[in-house]
Amino acid sequence: MTEFRPKQSYLDSVTIDNGYINLTLTDGRILMVPVRWFPRVAYAREEDRQDFEIIGRRGVAWFQLETDLTVEQVLQGQGSDESEASFKTWQESYNRGETESAFPFLPAGIFFELE
């Protein structure tokens, strides 16, 4: 009997609407995760929430929000592991407009694609 091995699938696109982050994979699967699992994304203004980049075809980064997620993390049912104290500190900075890109020294597109 021939063993079935699914081909490797990568992150193809991301949308955020109706309280969910929707991750579409290259094999057609769509993973939906509640935005509330990622407090910084949930708390952010809409324009910051929509300002993300797909990184390495396996994750999503919100540089302005200093947070990210990976496909593997979502498949394992894991949300953000940020402590409440850390989120509160970030929230206060965000409200004052003091958050900046976590990587201000890197030009856009510096991240590589995994094959």
Protein backbone atom coordinates (compact mmCIF):
# COMPACT_ATOMS: atom_id res chain seq x y z
CA MET A 1 0.00 0.00 0.00
CA THR A 2 1.30 3.45 -0.91
CA GLU A 3 1.64 5.89 1.95
CA PHE A 4 -0.15 9.19 1.46
CA ARG A 5 1.98 12.22 2.19
CA PRO A 6 0.30 15.57 1.91
CA LYS A 7 2.35 18.13 0.07
CA GLN A 8 3.79 21.02 2.02
CA SER A 9 1.37 23.92 2.32
CA TYR A 10 2.27 27.56 2.94
CA LEU A 11 0.46 30.72 3.92
CA ASP A 12 -1.01 32.31 0.81
CA SER A 13 -3.15 35.19 2.09
CA VAL A 14 -4.59 36.76 5.22
CA THR A 15 -7.80 38.67 5.85
CA ILE A 16 -9.21 40.05 9.07
CA ASP A 17 -12.94 40.55 9.40
CA ASN A 18 -15.94 39.76 11.58
CA GLY A 19 -13.71 39.16 14.59
CA TYR A 20 -11.52 36.53 12.90
CA ILE A 21 -8.06 36.31 11.36
CA ASN A 22 -8.45 34.11 8.27
CA LEU A 23 -5.31 32.36 7.04
CA THR A 24 -5.62 30.86 3.54
CA LEU A 25 -3.07 28.16 2.79
CA THR A 26 -1.72 27.25 -0.63
CA ASP A 27 -3.57 23.90 -0.50
CA GLY A 28 -6.91 25.71 -0.19
CA ARG A 29 -7.48 25.29 3.54
CA ILE A 30 -8.68 28.32 5.46
CA LEU A 31 -7.77 28.57 9.14
CA MET A 32 -9.93 30.93 11.18
CA VAL A 33 -8.75 32.15 14.55
CA PRO A 34 -10.58 34.61 16.80
CA VAL A 35 -8.86 38.01 16.87
CA ARG A 36 -9.31 38.02 20.65
CA TRP A 37 -6.63 35.30 20.87
CA PHE A 38 -4.13 38.05 19.96
CA PRO A 39 -4.93 40.97 22.28
CA ARG A 40 -2.72 43.54 20.53
CA VAL A 41 -4.42 42.85 17.21
CA ALA A 42 -7.86 42.88 18.85
CA TYR A 43 -7.18 46.17 20.66
CA ALA A 44 -5.56 47.99 17.72
CA ARG A 45 -7.18 50.60 15.53
CA GLU A 46 -8.54 49.13 12.31
CA GLU A 47 -5.80 50.69 10.14
CA ASP A 48 -3.09 49.14 12.35
CA ARG A 49 -4.90 45.80 12.47
CA GLN A 50 -4.93 45.68 8.66
CA ASP A 51 -1.24 46.71 8.40
CA PHE A 52 0.44 43.30 8.41
CA GLU A 53 2.95 41.33 6.35
CA ILE A 54 3.17 37.64 5.57
CA ILE A 55 6.59 36.52 6.76
CA GLY A 56 8.38 33.48 5.40
CA ARG A 57 5.10 32.07 4.06
CA ARG A 58 4.52 30.64 7.54
CA GLY A 59 3.48 33.61 9.64
CA VAL A 60 2.00 37.08 9.92
CA ALA A 61 3.66 40.10 11.53
CA TRP A 62 2.14 43.36 12.66
CA PHE A 63 5.29 45.43 13.05
CA GLN A 64 3.48 48.53 14.33
CA LEU A 65 1.80 46.38 16.98
CA GLU A 66 5.01 44.47 17.76
CA THR A 67 3.27 41.09 17.51
CA ASP A 68 3.01 38.11 15.20
CA LEU A 69 1.52 34.66 14.75
CA THR A 70 2.49 31.50 12.90
CA VAL A 71 0.43 28.91 11.04
CA GLU A 72 1.83 26.23 13.38
CA GLN A 73 0.71 28.24 16.40
CA VAL A 74 -2.84 28.49 15.05
CA LEU A 75 -2.93 24.78 14.12
CA GLN A 76 -1.96 23.97 17.71
CA GLY A 77 -4.77 26.15 19.06
CA GLN A 78 -2.40 28.63 20.68
CA GLY A 79 -3.00 32.34 20.89
CA SER A 80 -0.68 35.00 22.22
CA ASP A 81 1.28 34.02 25.31
CA GLU A 82 1.81 37.63 26.34
CA SER A 83 1.30 38.31 30.04
CA GLU A 84 -1.40 40.69 31.18
CA ALA A 85 1.23 43.05 32.61
CA SER A 86 3.13 43.15 29.31
CA PHE A 87 -0.07 43.81 27.35
CA LYS A 88 -1.04 46.61 29.74
CA THR A 89 2.37 48.28 29.31
CA TRP A 90 2.10 47.99 25.53
CA GLN A 91 -1.50 49.26 25.60
CA GLU A 92 -0.47 52.40 27.50
CA SER A 93 2.33 53.09 24.98
CA TYR A 94 -0.03 52.43 22.06
CA ASN A 95 -2.62 54.83 23.46
CA ARG A 96 0.06 57.52 23.73
CA GLY A 97 1.15 56.84 20.15
CA GLU A 98 4.59 55.70 21.28
CA THR A 99 4.78 52.27 19.63
CA GLU A 100 7.11 51.88 16.70
CA SER A 101 8.13 49.11 14.40
CA ALA A 102 9.93 46.35 16.27
CA PHE A 103 12.47 46.37 13.43
CA PRO A 104 12.88 50.04 12.41
CA PHE A 105 16.37 49.39 11.02
CA LEU A 106 15.28 46.75 8.46
CA PRO A 107 14.08 47.75 4.99
CA ALA A 108 10.75 46.35 3.84
CA GLY A 109 11.02 42.97 2.16
CA ILE A 110 14.20 41.93 3.98
CA PHE A 111 12.61 38.69 5.16
CA PHE A 112 13.19 35.61 3.04
CA GLU A 113 10.70 33.12 1.65
CA LEU A 114 11.02 29.50 2.78
CA GLU A 115 10.93 26.90 0.05
